[in-house]
Amino acid sequence: MYYLKKIAYFYIDGFKNMKVGKKLWLIVAIKFFIFFAILKIFFFPDILQTKFDNDTQRSNFVIQNLIKNR
């Protein structure tokens, strides 16, 4: 447990003393937001939700596609 606290304090202290690193982490966070929020909405629509009316139909479709002959 002592080593985990020591590692945590190491990273906390490191982030407090960063100058340029904070801006770089902000850029990384914005990129992740774009990847997971914006791109998902436009490029990965929920096809199962639009094609089928209930969960039973969705699950049957998924099962049939999983066990298709290859």
PDB file of N, CA and C in Angstrom:
ATOM      1  N   MET A   1       0.828  -1.196   0.000  1.00  0.00           N
ATOM      2  CA  MET A   1       0.000   0.000   0.000  1.00  0.00           C
ATOM      3  C   MET A   1       0.872   1.260   0.000  1.00  0.00           C
ATOM      4  N   TYR A   2       2.003   1.185   0.655  1.00  0.00           N
ATOM      5  CA  TYR A   2       2.924   2.323   0.710  1.00  0.00           C
ATOM      6  C   TYR A   2       3.406   2.701  -0.675  1.00  0.00           C
ATOM      7  N   TYR A   3       3.717   1.699  -1.490  1.00  0.00           N
ATOM      8  CA  TYR A   3       4.225   1.967  -2.832  1.00  0.00           C
ATOM      9  C   TYR A   3       3.157   2.585  -3.728  1.00  0.00           C
ATOM     10  N   LEU A   4       1.910   2.183  -3.556  1.00  0.00           N
ATOM     11  CA  LEU A   4       0.839   2.776  -4.358  1.00  0.00           C
ATOM     12  C   LEU A   4       0.664   4.256  -4.022  1.00  0.00           C
ATOM     13  N   LYS A   5       0.729   4.603  -2.741  1.00  0.00           N
ATOM     14  CA  LYS A   5       0.625   6.004  -2.343  1.00  0.00           C
ATOM     15  C   LYS A   5       1.797   6.808  -2.890  1.00  0.00           C
ATOM     16  N   LYS A   6       2.973   6.216  -2.840  1.00  0.00           N
ATOM     17  CA  LYS A   6       4.164   6.899  -3.327  1.00  0.00           C
ATOM     18  C   LYS A   6       4.056   7.162  -4.833  1.00  0.00           C
ATOM     19  N   ILE A   7       3.569   6.184  -5.573  1.00  0.00           N
ATOM     20  CA  ILE A   7       3.380   6.349  -7.018  1.00  0.00           C
ATOM     21  C   ILE A   7       2.315   7.403  -7.305  1.00  0.00           C
ATOM     22  N   ALA A   8       1.213   7.379  -6.546  1.00  0.00           N
ATOM     23  CA  ALA A   8       0.147   8.360  -6.740  1.00  0.00           C
ATOM     24  C   ALA A   8       0.658   9.770  -6.470  1.00  0.00           C
ATOM     25  N   TYR A   9       1.385   9.968  -5.388  1.00  0.00           N
ATOM     26  CA  TYR A   9       1.932  11.288  -5.081  1.00  0.00           C
ATOM     27  C   TYR A   9       2.926  11.741  -6.139  1.00  0.00           C
ATOM     28  N   PHE A  10       3.685  10.817  -6.686  1.00  0.00           N
ATOM     29  CA  PHE A  10       4.633  11.131  -7.754  1.00  0.00           C
ATOM     30  C   PHE A  10       3.902  11.729  -8.955  1.00  0.00           C
ATOM     31  N   TYR A  11       2.813  11.095  -9.373  1.00  0.00           N
ATOM     32  CA  TYR A  11       2.071  11.595 -10.528  1.00  0.00           C
ATOM     33  C   TYR A  11       1.315  12.876 -10.204  1.00  0.00           C
ATOM     34  N   ILE A  12       0.732  12.966  -9.019  1.00  0.00           N
ATOM     35  CA  ILE A  12       0.011  14.183  -8.628  1.00  0.00           C
ATOM     36  C   ILE A  12       0.959  15.373  -8.601  1.00  0.00           C
ATOM     37  N   ASP A  13       2.113  15.186  -7.997  1.00  0.00           N
ATOM     38  CA  ASP A  13       3.105  16.255  -7.935  1.00  0.00           C
ATOM     39  C   ASP A  13       3.602  16.612  -9.334  1.00  0.00           C
ATOM     40  N   GLY A  14       3.784  15.631 -10.169  1.00  0.00           N
ATOM     41  CA  GLY A  14       4.228  15.886 -11.535  1.00  0.00           C
ATOM     42  C   GLY A  14       3.223  16.697 -12.329  1.00  0.00           C
ATOM     43  N   PHE A  15       1.925  16.392 -12.180  1.00  0.00           N
ATOM     44  CA  PHE A  15       0.909  17.144 -12.905  1.00  0.00           C
ATOM     45  C   PHE A  15       0.768  18.559 -12.365  1.00  0.00           C
ATOM     46  N   LYS A  16       0.995  18.761 -11.068  1.00  0.00           N
ATOM     47  CA  LYS A  16       0.904  20.106 -10.503  1.00  0.00           C
ATOM     48  C   LYS A  16       1.981  21.013 -11.061  1.00  0.00           C
ATOM     49  N   ASN A  17       3.162  20.483 -11.298  1.00  0.00           N
ATOM     50  CA  ASN A  17       4.291  21.294 -11.716  1.00  0.00           C
ATOM     51  C   ASN A  17       4.434  21.433 -13.228  1.00  0.00           C
ATOM     52  N   MET A  18       3.530  20.851 -13.994  1.00  0.00           N
ATOM     53  CA  MET A  18       3.621  20.936 -15.446  1.00  0.00           C
ATOM     54  C   MET A  18       3.210  22.312 -15.941  1.00  0.00           C
ATOM     55  N   LYS A  19       3.854  22.764 -16.981  1.00  0.00           N
ATOM     56  CA  LYS A  19       3.459  24.007 -17.632  1.00  0.00           C
ATOM     57  C   LYS A  19       2.925  23.690 -19.035  1.00  0.00           C
ATOM     58  N   VAL A  20       3.769  23.196 -19.901  1.00  0.00           N
ATOM     59  CA  VAL A  20       3.371  22.867 -21.271  1.00  0.00           C
ATOM     60  C   VAL A  20       2.544  21.586 -21.280  1.00  0.00           C
ATOM     61  N   GLY A  21       2.831  20.679 -20.369  1.00  0.00           N
ATOM     62  CA  GLY A  21       2.142  19.390 -20.335  1.00  0.00           C
ATOM     63  C   GLY A  21       0.650  19.514 -20.127  1.00  0.00           C
ATOM     64  N   LYS A  22       0.212  20.506 -19.349  1.00  0.00           N
ATOM     65  CA  LYS A  22      -1.226  20.690 -19.125  1.00  0.00           C
ATOM     66  C   LYS A  22      -1.933  21.029 -20.431  1.00  0.00           C
ATOM     67  N   LYS A  23      -1.295  21.866 -21.241  1.00  0.00           N
ATOM     68  CA  LYS A  23      -1.896  22.219 -22.533  1.00  0.00           C
ATOM     69  C   LYS A  23      -1.928  21.002 -23.455  1.00  0.00           C
ATOM     70  N   LEU A  24      -0.874  20.204 -23.413  1.00  0.00           N
ATOM     71  CA  LEU A  24      -0.843  19.004 -24.251  1.00  0.00           C
ATOM     72  C   LEU A  24      -1.907  18.005 -23.810  1.00  0.00           C
ATOM     73  N   TRP A  25      -2.102  17.835 -22.499  1.00  0.00           N
ATOM     74  CA  TRP A  25      -3.145  16.937 -22.013  1.00  0.00           C
ATOM     75  C   TRP A  25      -4.532  17.450 -22.388  1.00  0.00           C
ATOM     76  N   LEU A  26      -4.703  18.768 -22.415  1.00  0.00           N
ATOM     77  CA  LEU A  26      -5.980  19.339 -22.850  1.00  0.00           C
ATOM     78  C   LEU A  26      -6.240  19.006 -24.317  1.00  0.00           C
ATOM     79  N   ILE A  27      -5.210  19.095 -25.141  1.00  0.00           N
ATOM     80  CA  ILE A  27      -5.343  18.744 -26.553  1.00  0.00           C
ATOM     81  C   ILE A  27      -5.695  17.271 -26.706  1.00  0.00           C
ATOM     82  N   VAL A  28      -5.061  16.406 -25.930  1.00  0.00           N
ATOM     83  CA  VAL A  28      -5.361  14.971 -25.975  1.00  0.00           C
ATOM     84  C   VAL A  28      -6.808  14.722 -25.558  1.00  0.00           C
ATOM     85  N   ALA A  29      -7.266  15.395 -24.517  1.00  0.00           N
ATOM     86  CA  ALA A  29      -8.653  15.217 -24.056  1.00  0.00           C
ATOM     87  C   ALA A  29      -9.646  15.666 -25.129  1.00  0.00           C
ATOM     88  N   ILE A  30      -9.348  16.776 -25.795  1.00  0.00           N
ATOM     89  CA  ILE A  30     -10.234  17.253 -26.857  1.00  0.00           C
ATOM     90  C   ILE A  30     -10.274  16.259 -28.011  1.00  0.00           C
ATOM     91  N   LYS A  31      -9.122  15.691 -28.353  1.00  0.00           N
ATOM     92  CA  LYS A  31      -9.090  14.684 -29.423  1.00  0.00           C
ATOM     93  C   LYS A  31      -9.924  13.458 -29.057  1.00  0.00           C
ATOM     94  N   PHE A  32      -9.796  12.985 -27.822  1.00  0.00           N
ATOM     95  CA  PHE A  32     -10.598  11.837 -27.397  1.00  0.00           C
ATOM     96  C   PHE A  32     -12.080  12.162 -27.432  1.00  0.00           C
ATOM     97  N   PHE A  33     -12.447  13.363 -27.041  1.00  0.00           N
ATOM     98  CA  PHE A  33     -13.849  13.762 -27.110  1.00  0.00           C
ATOM     99  C   PHE A  33     -14.333  13.711 -28.555  1.00  0.00           C
ATOM    100  N   ILE A  34     -13.520  14.219 -29.480  1.00  0.00           N
ATOM    101  CA  ILE A  34     -13.903  14.194 -30.888  1.00  0.00           C
ATOM    102  C   ILE A  34     -14.031  12.759 -31.388  1.00  0.00           C
ATOM    103  N   PHE A  35     -13.067  11.907 -31.043  1.00  0.00           N
ATOM    104  CA  PHE A  35     -13.111  10.521 -31.507  1.00  0.00           C
ATOM    105  C   PHE A  35     -14.343   9.788 -30.990  1.00  0.00           C
ATOM    106  N   PHE A  36     -14.611   9.893 -29.712  1.00  0.00           N
ATOM    107  CA  PHE A  36     -15.650   9.063 -29.116  1.00  0.00           C
ATOM    108  C   PHE A  36     -17.032   9.679 -29.147  1.00  0.00           C
ATOM    109  N   ALA A  37     -17.151  10.963 -29.216  1.00  0.00           N
ATOM    110  CA  ALA A  37     -18.482  11.579 -29.208  1.00  0.00           C
ATOM    111  C   ALA A  37     -18.921  11.991 -30.604  1.00  0.00           C
ATOM    112  N   ILE A  38     -18.154  12.828 -31.233  1.00  0.00           N
ATOM    113  CA  ILE A  38     -18.567  13.393 -32.515  1.00  0.00           C
ATOM    114  C   ILE A  38     -18.549  12.335 -33.624  1.00  0.00           C
ATOM    115  N   LEU A  39     -17.458  11.608 -33.764  1.00  0.00           N
ATOM    116  CA  LEU A  39     -17.366  10.613 -34.840  1.00  0.00           C
ATOM    117  C   LEU A  39     -18.377   9.488 -34.674  1.00  0.00           C
ATOM    118  N   LYS A  40     -18.662   9.100 -33.435  1.00  0.00           N
ATOM    119  CA  LYS A  40     -19.639   8.037 -33.204  1.00  0.00           C
ATOM    120  C   LYS A  40     -21.016   8.445 -33.693  1.00  0.00           C
ATOM    121  N   ILE A  41     -21.363   9.680 -33.476  1.00  0.00           N
ATOM    122  CA  ILE A  41     -22.688  10.153 -33.888  1.00  0.00           C
ATOM    123  C   ILE A  41     -22.827  10.128 -35.407  1.00  0.00           C
ATOM    124  N   PHE A  42     -21.803  10.590 -36.121  1.00  0.00           N
ATOM    125  CA  PHE A  42     -21.928  10.735 -37.567  1.00  0.00           C
ATOM    126  C   PHE A  42     -21.565   9.485 -38.361  1.00  0.00           C
ATOM    127  N   PHE A  43     -20.599   8.713 -37.885  1.00  0.00           N
ATOM    128  CA  PHE A  43     -20.099   7.598 -38.691  1.00  0.00           C
ATOM    129  C   PHE A  43     -20.509   6.216 -38.184  1.00  0.00           C
ATOM    130  N   PHE A  44     -21.002   6.116 -36.977  1.00  0.00           N
ATOM    131  CA  PHE A  44     -21.387   4.818 -36.425  1.00  0.00           C
ATOM    132  C   PHE A  44     -22.804   4.879 -35.868  1.00  0.00           C
ATOM    133  N   PRO A  45     -23.795   4.994 -36.739  1.00  0.00           N
ATOM    134  CA  PRO A  45     -25.180   5.055 -36.246  1.00  0.00           C
ATOM    135  C   PRO A  45     -25.608   3.706 -35.665  1.00  0.00           C
ATOM    136  N   ASP A  46     -26.609   3.748 -34.831  1.00  0.00           N
ATOM    137  CA  ASP A  46     -27.113   2.535 -34.198  1.00  0.00           C
ATOM    138  C   ASP A  46     -28.079   1.837 -35.156  1.00  0.00           C
ATOM    139  N   ILE A  47     -27.532   0.966 -35.989  1.00  0.00           N
ATOM    140  CA  ILE A  47     -28.312   0.309 -37.032  1.00  0.00           C
ATOM    141  C   ILE A  47     -29.356  -0.637 -36.440  1.00  0.00           C
ATOM    142  N   LEU A  48     -28.985  -1.338 -35.391  1.00  0.00           N
ATOM    143  CA  LEU A  48     -29.938  -2.261 -34.777  1.00  0.00           C
ATOM    144  C   LEU A  48     -31.148  -1.521 -34.223  1.00  0.00           C
ATOM    145  N   GLN A  49     -30.942  -0.325 -33.719  1.00  0.00           N
ATOM    146  CA  GLN A  49     -32.057   0.441 -33.163  1.00  0.00           C
ATOM    147  C   GLN A  49     -33.004   0.905 -34.265  1.00  0.00           C
ATOM    148  N   THR A  50     -32.481   1.194 -35.439  1.00  0.00           N
ATOM    149  CA  THR A  50     -33.332   1.716 -36.506  1.00  0.00           C
ATOM    150  C   THR A  50     -33.993   0.615 -37.326  1.00  0.00           C
ATOM    151  N   LYS A  51     -33.352  -0.554 -37.447  1.00  0.00           N
ATOM    152  CA  LYS A  51     -33.904  -1.621 -38.284  1.00  0.00           C
ATOM    153  C   LYS A  51     -34.944  -2.475 -37.574  1.00  0.00           C
ATOM    154  N   PHE A  52     -34.835  -2.597 -36.255  1.00  0.00           N
ATOM    155  CA  PHE A  52     -35.684  -3.529 -35.520  1.00  0.00           C
ATOM    156  C   PHE A  52     -36.474  -2.797 -34.442  1.00  0.00           C
ATOM    157  N   ASP A  53     -37.631  -3.376 -34.112  1.00  0.00           N
ATOM    158  CA  ASP A  53     -38.528  -2.719 -33.169  1.00  0.00           C
ATOM    159  C   ASP A  53     -38.295  -3.121 -31.717  1.00  0.00           C
ATOM    160  N   ASN A  54     -37.854  -4.364 -31.484  1.00  0.00           N
ATOM    161  CA  ASN A  54     -37.698  -4.801 -30.103  1.00  0.00           C
ATOM    162  C   ASN A  54     -36.393  -5.578 -29.915  1.00  0.00           C
ATOM    163  N   ASP A  55     -36.099  -5.891 -28.662  1.00  0.00           N
ATOM    164  CA  ASP A  55     -34.842  -6.567 -28.334  1.00  0.00           C
ATOM    165  C   ASP A  55     -34.782  -7.991 -28.870  1.00  0.00           C
ATOM    166  N   THR A  56     -35.896  -8.658 -28.972  1.00  0.00           N
ATOM    167  CA  THR A  56     -35.914 -10.031 -29.463  1.00  0.00           C
ATOM    168  C   THR A  56     -35.467 -10.082 -30.925  1.00  0.00           C
ATOM    169  N   GLN A  57     -35.981  -9.191 -31.730  1.00  0.00           N
ATOM    170  CA  GLN A  57     -35.588  -9.139 -33.138  1.00  0.00           C
ATOM    171  C   GLN A  57     -34.104  -8.799 -33.270  1.00  0.00           C
ATOM    172  N   ARG A  58     -33.638  -7.863 -32.452  1.00  0.00           N
ATOM    173  CA  ARG A  58     -32.217  -7.488 -32.493  1.00  0.00           C
ATOM    174  C   ARG A  58     -31.332  -8.664 -32.119  1.00  0.00           C
ATOM    175  N   SER A  59     -31.701  -9.365 -31.055  1.00  0.00           N
ATOM    176  CA  SER A  59     -30.864 -10.481 -30.606  1.00  0.00           C
ATOM    177  C   SER A  59     -30.874 -11.616 -31.627  1.00  0.00           C
ATOM    178  N   ASN A  60     -32.006 -11.893 -32.251  1.00  0.00           N
ATOM    179  CA  ASN A  60     -32.056 -12.922 -33.289  1.00  0.00           C
ATOM    180  C   ASN A  60     -31.178 -12.557 -34.475  1.00  0.00           C
ATOM    181  N   PHE A  61     -31.182 -11.302 -34.865  1.00  0.00           N
ATOM    182  CA  PHE A  61     -30.340 -10.847 -35.972  1.00  0.00           C
ATOM    183  C   PHE A  61     -28.856 -11.026 -35.631  1.00  0.00           C
ATOM    184  N   VAL A  62     -28.474 -10.646 -34.436  1.00  0.00           N
ATOM    185  CA  VAL A  62     -27.076 -10.777 -34.026  1.00  0.00           C
ATOM    186  C   VAL A  62     -26.668 -12.238 -33.962  1.00  0.00           C
ATOM    187  N   ILE A  63     -27.511 -13.077 -33.400  1.00  0.00           N
ATOM    188  CA  ILE A  63     -27.196 -14.514 -33.298  1.00  0.00           C
ATOM    189  C   ILE A  63     -27.047 -15.130 -34.683  1.00  0.00           C
ATOM    190  N   GLN A  64     -27.944 -14.814 -35.587  1.00  0.00           N
ATOM    191  CA  GLN A  64     -27.877 -15.362 -36.941  1.00  0.00           C
ATOM    192  C   GLN A  64     -26.594 -14.932 -37.649  1.00  0.00           C
ATOM    193  N   ASN A  65     -26.147 -13.711 -37.426  1.00  0.00           N
ATOM    194  CA  ASN A  65     -24.919 -13.234 -38.063  1.00  0.00           C
ATOM    195  C   ASN A  65     -23.683 -13.802 -37.397  1.00  0.00           C
ATOM    196  N   LEU A  66     -23.761 -14.145 -36.147  1.00  0.00           N
ATOM    197  CA  LEU A  66     -22.612 -14.734 -35.455  1.00  0.00           C
ATOM    198  C   LEU A  66     -22.395 -16.181 -35.842  1.00  0.00           C
ATOM    199  N   ILE A  67     -23.486 -16.900 -36.128  1.00  0.00           N
ATOM    200  CA  ILE A  67     -23.346 -18.325 -36.423  1.00  0.00           C
ATOM    201  C   ILE A  67     -23.439 -18.634 -37.921  1.00  0.00           C
ATOM    202  N   LYS A  68     -23.311 -17.609 -38.764  1.00  0.00           N
ATOM    203  CA  LYS A  68     -23.332 -17.817 -40.211  1.00  0.00           C
ATOM    204  C   LYS A  68     -22.186 -18.729 -40.617  1.00  0.00           C
ATOM    205  N   ASN A  69     -22.425 -19.508 -41.683  1.00  0.00           N
ATOM    206  CA  ASN A  69     -21.336 -20.325 -42.218  1.00  0.00           C
ATOM    207  C   ASN A  69     -20.290 -19.413 -42.841  1.00  0.00           C
ATOM    208  N   ARG A  70     -19.070 -19.741 -42.579  1.00  0.00           N
ATOM    209  CA  ARG A  70     -17.977 -18.891 -43.074  1.00  0.00           C
ATOM    210  C   ARG A  70     -17.499 -19.329 -44.387  1.00  0.00           C
TER     211      ARG A  70
END
